[in-house]
């Protein structure tokens, strides 16, 4: 489906104030694309010479217009400078609900709103069991809701941006651009193309031409590859039906191969593959995962809680190729695309 026909999701939240806002929105848009959605970031980057009220009005009008043209809203309702979500985001949620658009939220702390307020402020129940602030007797909203009930009862609350976007994708009938399935023998040529692209293009910043040629020869041993893939039983990631990456997880927790084509970089394909492997590891009850990771992939693995155990310099066809042995335990935190 062409991008201009995908369901559009307005990305609401205080992320616009973060110093890495551009990277956050890029990751959220990649999450959207994988699910067959198109992300619309807020218009808080209004250009020109406007200042003060004029600039504020331009931003307000731009964001209202984007919400009106969107098909749904993803809202970061994490606590912001206190015990409540960002007030601008709350307005955008209410505006979207008034327009009849679905809203899914993430970032909401665990437990009820009353529990969080009671832990942060001096509160006590009154004679009727109603929780109130001691200073002035103000009631703390109860009913067991995670947020003020006007938010909690109007939006779908999920535990991560990805989960919230899945709610919206299902509600809007989006067709995912990315799917993952087991490797089949007729994927061999496509998998080899992914491998060549990942090594000779993506890894070019960390390995010179001689190293890359030793790692990924122009004429690979197809029989050896076919046997290895049959043994490893990897998963392939398809972007709009085209093989864009592959990865495997062995019974002992080894990730033997993990590659994404350079032509599909920035689409969250590596993230989707890793999420798939981590979910599989959890189902198998694996206490730890390990991998021999290239210099190029080390940062990616680190974002998922892998830590370097040893730096190595193995030989391939007589050429030294630096890498690292990395390990992840089951206690490592999950990766959040908006973090």
Protein backbone atom coordinates (compact mmCIF):
# COMPACT_ATOMS: atom_id res chain seq x y z
CA UNK A 1 0.00 0.00 0.00
CA UNK A 2 1.49 3.41 -0.97
CA UNK A 3 2.47 5.60 2.02
CA UNK A 4 -0.10 8.26 1.11
CA UNK A 5 -2.92 5.74 1.50
CA UNK A 6 -1.83 4.30 4.84
CA UNK A 7 -3.83 5.14 7.98
CA UNK A 8 -2.19 8.25 9.50
CA UNK A 9 -1.29 8.37 13.19
CA UNK A 10 -0.58 11.64 14.98
CA UNK A 11 2.30 11.17 17.43
CA UNK A 12 1.33 13.14 20.53
CA UNK A 13 3.49 13.61 23.59
CA UNK A 14 6.14 15.71 25.30
CA UNK A 15 8.82 14.00 23.20
CA UNK A 16 9.02 17.24 21.20
CA UNK A 17 10.89 18.76 24.15
CA UNK A 18 13.57 16.09 24.28
CA UNK A 19 17.06 16.87 22.94
CA UNK A 20 16.85 13.68 20.84
CA UNK A 21 13.31 14.39 19.59
CA UNK A 22 14.24 13.77 15.94
CA UNK A 23 15.55 10.29 16.75
CA UNK A 24 12.51 9.47 18.90
CA UNK A 25 10.10 10.41 16.15
CA UNK A 26 12.15 8.53 13.56
CA UNK A 27 11.85 5.37 15.67
CA UNK A 28 8.12 5.90 16.22
CA UNK A 29 7.58 6.40 12.49
CA UNK A 30 9.50 3.20 11.80
CA UNK A 31 7.22 1.38 14.26
CA UNK A 32 4.23 2.82 12.41
CA UNK A 33 5.56 1.76 9.02
CA UNK A 34 6.10 -1.83 10.13
CA UNK A 35 2.42 -2.02 11.08
CA UNK A 36 1.14 -0.44 7.87
CA UNK A 37 0.64 3.01 9.41
CA UNK A 38 2.08 6.44 8.61
CA UNK A 39 3.32 8.51 11.56
CA UNK A 40 2.67 12.26 11.70
CA UNK A 41 4.87 14.13 14.14
CA UNK A 42 3.76 17.41 15.74
CA UNK A 43 4.34 20.66 13.88
CA UNK A 44 6.51 22.09 16.65
CA UNK A 45 9.36 22.74 14.22
CA UNK A 46 7.62 25.69 12.57
CA UNK A 47 10.15 27.52 10.42
CA UNK A 48 10.51 31.20 9.64
CA UNK A 49 11.01 34.40 11.54
CA UNK A 50 7.97 34.08 13.81
CA UNK A 51 8.40 34.60 17.53
CA UNK A 52 6.26 34.72 20.67
CA UNK A 53 2.50 34.64 20.19
CA UNK A 54 2.74 34.39 16.41
CA UNK A 55 4.96 31.32 16.59
CA UNK A 56 2.81 29.76 19.31
CA UNK A 57 -0.31 30.29 17.18
CA UNK A 58 1.39 28.74 14.14
CA UNK A 59 2.36 25.65 16.15
CA UNK A 60 -1.14 25.36 17.66
CA UNK A 61 -2.84 25.61 14.28
CA UNK A 62 -0.38 23.20 12.70
CA UNK A 63 -0.93 20.55 15.35
CA UNK A 64 -4.72 20.91 15.29
CA UNK A 65 -4.64 20.53 11.51
CA UNK A 66 -2.51 17.39 11.76
CA UNK A 67 -4.86 15.84 14.29
CA UNK A 68 -7.82 16.59 12.03
CA UNK A 69 -6.14 14.92 9.05
CA UNK A 70 -4.97 11.92 11.09
CA UNK A 71 -6.95 8.70 11.40
CA UNK A 72 -5.84 8.05 14.98
CA UNK A 73 -3.56 9.31 17.75
CA UNK A 74 -0.69 7.68 19.62
CA UNK A 75 -0.22 9.51 22.93
CA UNK A 76 2.67 9.43 25.38
CA UNK A 77 0.84 9.90 28.69
CA UNK A 78 3.84 9.43 30.96
CA UNK A 79 4.07 11.70 34.01
CA UNK A 80 5.56 15.02 32.94
CA UNK A 81 6.97 17.45 35.50
CA UNK A 82 4.74 16.01 38.19
CA UNK A 83 2.08 13.35 38.62
CA UNK A 84 0.08 14.12 35.47
CA UNK A 85 0.69 13.77 31.71
CA UNK A 86 1.82 16.75 29.64
CA UNK A 87 -1.10 19.19 29.48
CA UNK A 88 -0.67 19.84 25.75
CA UNK A 89 -0.85 16.12 25.06
CA UNK A 90 -3.99 15.84 27.19
CA UNK A 91 -5.60 18.60 25.09
CA UNK A 92 -4.65 16.77 21.89
CA UNK A 93 -6.15 13.53 23.21
CA UNK A 94 -9.39 15.28 24.10
CA UNK A 95 -9.52 17.01 20.73
CA UNK A 96 -9.02 13.71 18.90
CA UNK A 97 -11.69 11.97 20.99
CA UNK A 98 -14.11 14.81 20.25
CA UNK A 99 -13.46 14.25 16.53
CA UNK A 100 -14.26 10.57 16.96
CA UNK A 101 -10.71 9.36 16.33
CA UNK A 102 -9.24 6.36 18.17
CA UNK A 103 -6.48 7.10 20.68
CA UNK A 104 -4.00 4.63 22.16
CA UNK A 105 -1.62 5.64 24.95
CA UNK A 106 1.62 4.40 26.47
CA UNK A 107 3.97 5.53 29.21
CA UNK A 108 1.32 5.35 31.93
CA UNK A 109 2.92 4.28 35.23
CA UNK A 110 1.74 1.02 36.81
CA UNK A 111 -0.86 1.01 39.56
CA UNK A 112 -3.72 3.41 40.07
CA UNK A 113 -3.55 7.20 40.01
CA UNK A 114 -4.67 7.27 43.66
CA UNK A 115 -1.84 4.94 44.67
CA UNK A 116 0.74 7.17 42.97
CA UNK A 117 -0.63 10.35 44.54
CA UNK A 118 -0.83 8.69 47.94
CA UNK A 119 2.81 7.66 47.68
CA UNK A 120 3.98 11.12 46.64
CA UNK A 121 1.84 13.42 48.81
CA UNK A 122 0.63 13.43 52.41
CA UNK A 123 -2.78 11.77 52.13
CA UNK A 124 -5.12 9.85 54.39
CA UNK A 125 -8.62 8.35 54.13
CA UNK A 126 -11.44 10.32 55.73
CA UNK A 127 -14.23 8.89 57.89
CA UNK A 128 -15.92 7.50 54.77
CA UNK A 129 -12.75 5.89 53.44
CA UNK A 130 -12.20 8.54 50.76
CA UNK A 131 -8.54 9.38 50.20
CA UNK A 132 -7.82 13.08 50.73
CA UNK A 133 -4.77 15.31 50.93
CA UNK A 134 -4.13 16.27 54.56
CA UNK A 135 -3.16 19.85 53.75
CA UNK A 136 -6.52 21.00 52.39
CA UNK A 137 -8.81 17.97 52.28
CA UNK A 138 -8.81 17.73 48.49
CA UNK A 139 -10.14 14.35 47.37
CA UNK A 140 -7.83 12.09 45.40
CA UNK A 141 -9.78 10.51 42.59
CA UNK A 142 -10.29 6.80 43.21
CA UNK A 143 -12.17 4.15 41.24
CA UNK A 144 -8.94 2.26 40.61
CA UNK A 145 -8.13 4.02 37.33
CA UNK A 146 -4.54 4.38 36.11
CA UNK A 147 -5.24 8.00 35.09
CA UNK A 148 -7.98 10.55 35.63
CA UNK A 149 -11.09 8.68 34.52
CA UNK A 150 -11.71 11.04 31.60
CA UNK A 151 -8.44 9.80 30.11
CA UNK A 152 -8.54 6.23 31.39
CA UNK A 153 -12.03 5.59 29.96
CA UNK A 154 -11.48 7.30 26.59
CA UNK A 155 -8.16 5.85 25.41
CA UNK A 156 -6.67 2.42 25.05
CA UNK A 157 -3.70 2.06 27.42
CA UNK A 158 -0.82 -0.19 26.37
CA UNK A 159 2.52 -0.95 27.98
CA UNK A 160 4.72 0.22 25.09
CA UNK A 161 4.51 2.39 21.96
CA UNK A 162 4.58 -0.75 19.80
CA UNK A 163 1.66 -2.32 21.68
CA UNK A 164 -0.32 0.92 21.48
CA UNK A 165 0.31 1.15 17.75
CA UNK A 166 -0.86 -2.44 17.32
CA UNK A 167 -4.15 -1.45 18.97
CA UNK A 168 -4.53 1.38 16.46
CA UNK A 169 -3.51 -0.80 13.51
CA UNK A 170 -6.16 -3.36 14.45
CA UNK A 171 -8.80 -0.69 14.99
CA UNK A 172 -8.04 0.94 11.64
CA UNK A 173 -7.66 -2.29 9.67
CA UNK A 174 -4.06 -1.59 8.68
CA UNK A 175 -2.15 -4.20 6.72
CA UNK A 176 1.36 -4.66 8.18
CA UNK A 177 4.25 -3.88 5.86
CA UNK A 178 6.51 -6.20 7.83
CA UNK A 179 5.94 -9.88 8.46
CA UNK A 180 8.19 -12.55 9.93
CA UNK A 181 8.05 -16.23 9.04
CA UNK A 182 10.33 -19.28 9.14
CA UNK A 183 13.00 -19.61 6.46
CA UNK A 184 12.17 -21.74 3.41
CA UNK A 185 14.67 -23.34 1.05
CA UNK A 186 13.61 -21.08 -1.82
CA UNK A 187 14.68 -18.04 0.27
CA UNK A 188 18.36 -18.91 -0.23
CA UNK A 189 19.10 -16.35 -2.96
CA UNK A 190 17.27 -13.58 -1.10
CA UNK A 191 19.05 -14.39 2.16
CA UNK A 192 22.43 -14.34 0.42
CA UNK A 193 21.57 -10.93 -1.07
CA UNK A 194 20.69 -9.62 2.40
CA UNK A 195 23.98 -10.92 3.78
CA UNK A 196 26.04 -9.35 0.98
CA UNK A 197 24.22 -6.02 1.40
CA UNK A 198 24.65 -5.99 5.18
CA UNK A 199 28.37 -6.77 5.02
CA UNK A 200 29.47 -4.76 1.99
CA UNK A 201 27.30 -1.70 2.58
CA UNK A 202 26.12 -1.40 6.18
CA UNK A 203 29.39 -2.70 7.69
CA UNK A 204 31.59 -0.65 5.39
CA UNK A 205 32.04 2.01 8.07
CA UNK A 206 33.77 -0.49 10.38
CA UNK A 207 35.52 -2.96 8.05
CA UNK A 208 37.69 -2.26 5.01
CA UNK A 209 37.27 -3.82 1.57
CA UNK A 210 39.72 -6.66 2.26
CA UNK A 211 37.93 -7.59 5.48
CA UNK A 212 34.51 -7.45 3.83
CA UNK A 213 35.68 -9.62 0.92
CA UNK A 214 36.94 -12.25 3.38
CA UNK A 215 33.72 -12.08 5.37
CA UNK A 216 31.34 -12.13 2.39
CA UNK A 217 33.07 -13.43 -0.80
CA UNK A 218 31.55 -12.42 -4.09
CA UNK A 219 30.96 -16.11 -4.91
CA UNK A 220 29.61 -17.67 -1.70
CA UNK A 221 29.53 -21.43 -1.18
CA UNK A 222 25.84 -21.99 -1.81
CA UNK A 223 25.89 -25.59 -0.62
CA UNK A 224 27.48 -24.62 2.69
CA UNK A 225 25.01 -21.77 3.12
CA UNK A 226 22.05 -24.00 2.34
CA UNK A 227 23.23 -26.56 4.90
CA UNK A 228 23.83 -23.90 7.56
CA UNK A 229 20.42 -22.32 7.05
CA UNK A 230 18.71 -25.70 7.14
CA UNK A 231 20.52 -26.44 10.40
CA UNK A 232 19.94 -23.03 12.00
CA UNK A 233 16.29 -22.71 10.95
CA UNK A 234 16.27 -18.90 10.90
CA UNK A 235 13.37 -16.52 10.55
CA UNK A 236 13.10 -14.14 7.62
CA UNK A 237 11.64 -10.64 7.80
CA UNK A 238 9.67 -9.56 4.73
CA UNK A 239 9.05 -5.93 3.92
CA UNK A 240 6.05 -5.74 1.59
CA UNK A 241 6.78 -9.32 0.55
CA UNK A 242 10.52 -8.89 -0.05
CA UNK A 243 13.09 -10.61 2.19
CA UNK A 244 14.78 -7.77 4.07
CA UNK A 245 16.52 -9.53 6.96
CA UNK A 246 17.04 -12.85 8.71
CA UNK A 247 18.03 -14.08 12.15
CA UNK A 248 18.08 -17.31 14.13
CA UNK A 249 17.99 -18.49 17.73
CA UNK A 250 19.59 -21.80 18.61
CA UNK A 251 18.30 -24.09 21.41
CA UNK A 252 21.25 -23.15 23.65
CA UNK A 253 20.57 -19.41 23.33
CA UNK A 254 23.09 -18.64 20.58
CA UNK A 255 22.11 -16.10 17.94
CA UNK A 256 24.29 -17.43 15.13
CA UNK A 257 23.29 -15.03 12.33
CA UNK A 258 21.48 -11.69 12.36
CA UNK A 259 21.51 -9.50 9.22
CA UNK A 260 19.36 -6.77 7.68
CA UNK A 261 19.81 -5.47 4.13
CA UNK A 262 21.21 -1.96 3.94
CA UNK A 263 18.39 -0.99 1.57
CA UNK A 264 15.92 -1.54 4.40
CA UNK A 265 17.78 0.30 7.13
CA UNK A 266 15.76 2.60 9.37
CA UNK A 267 12.53 0.64 9.00
CA UNK A 268 12.78 -1.15 12.32
CA UNK A 269 13.36 -4.55 10.72
CA UNK A 270 16.21 -5.39 13.07
CA UNK A 271 14.04 -4.39 16.01
CA UNK A 272 11.21 -6.62 14.81
CA UNK A 273 13.56 -9.57 14.36
CA UNK A 274 15.09 -9.07 17.79
CA UNK A 275 11.66 -8.74 19.40
CA UNK A 276 10.70 -12.00 17.70
CA UNK A 277 13.80 -13.78 19.02
CA UNK A 278 13.34 -12.43 22.55
CA UNK A 279 9.72 -13.58 22.61
CA UNK A 280 10.83 -17.01 21.39
CA UNK A 281 13.56 -17.14 24.05
CA UNK A 282 10.99 -16.33 26.74
CA UNK A 283 8.69 -19.11 25.53
CA UNK A 284 11.61 -21.53 25.56
CA UNK A 285 12.61 -20.45 29.07
CA UNK A 286 16.14 -19.47 28.05
CA UNK A 287 17.97 -17.73 30.91
CA UNK A 288 20.48 -16.01 28.63
CA UNK A 289 21.30 -15.30 25.01
CA UNK A 290 24.71 -14.80 23.44
CA UNK A 291 26.11 -13.80 20.09
CA UNK A 292 29.35 -13.04 18.27
CA UNK A 293 28.59 -9.46 17.26
CA UNK A 294 30.30 -7.28 14.66
CA UNK A 295 31.50 -3.77 15.46
CA UNK A 296 28.65 -2.48 13.31
CA UNK A 297 25.94 -4.34 15.22
CA UNK A 298 27.34 -3.88 18.72
CA UNK A 299 25.34 -0.73 19.49
CA UNK A 300 22.13 -2.34 18.30
CA UNK A 301 22.63 -5.39 20.51
CA UNK A 302 23.55 -3.15 23.46
CA UNK A 303 20.19 -1.35 23.19
CA UNK A 304 18.57 -4.71 23.87
CA UNK A 305 20.53 -5.36 27.04
CA UNK A 306 23.43 -7.35 25.58
CA UNK A 307 26.77 -6.63 27.26
CA UNK A 308 30.27 -7.30 25.99
CA UNK A 309 31.98 -10.27 27.63
CA UNK A 310 35.05 -10.43 25.43
CA UNK A 311 36.56 -8.63 22.46
CA UNK A 312 37.89 -11.00 19.83
CA UNK A 313 39.84 -10.94 16.56
CA UNK A 314 38.94 -14.12 14.69
CA UNK A 315 40.44 -14.93 11.30
CA UNK A 316 38.40 -15.37 8.14
CA UNK A 317 40.33 -16.52 5.07
CA UNK A 318 43.48 -15.32 6.80
CA UNK A 319 42.05 -11.84 7.47
CA UNK A 320 41.47 -10.49 10.99
CA UNK A 321 37.89 -9.40 11.73
CA UNK A 322 37.26 -7.77 15.10
CA UNK A 323 34.05 -8.59 16.92
CA UNK A 324 32.70 -9.08 20.44
CA UNK A 325 31.11 -11.87 22.40
CA UNK A 326 27.95 -10.41 23.93
CA UNK A 327 25.45 -11.82 26.39
CA UNK A 328 21.94 -10.90 27.50
CA UNK A 329 20.23 -12.31 30.57
CA UNK A 330 16.48 -12.72 30.90
CA UNK A 331 16.49 -9.89 33.47
CA UNK A 332 17.60 -7.28 30.89
CA UNK A 333 15.11 -4.50 30.21
CA UNK A 334 13.10 -4.59 27.01
CA UNK A 335 13.91 -2.07 24.29
CA UNK A 336 11.43 0.79 23.92
CA UNK A 337 11.28 2.47 20.53
CA UNK A 338 10.41 5.80 22.17
CA UNK A 339 13.11 5.61 24.83
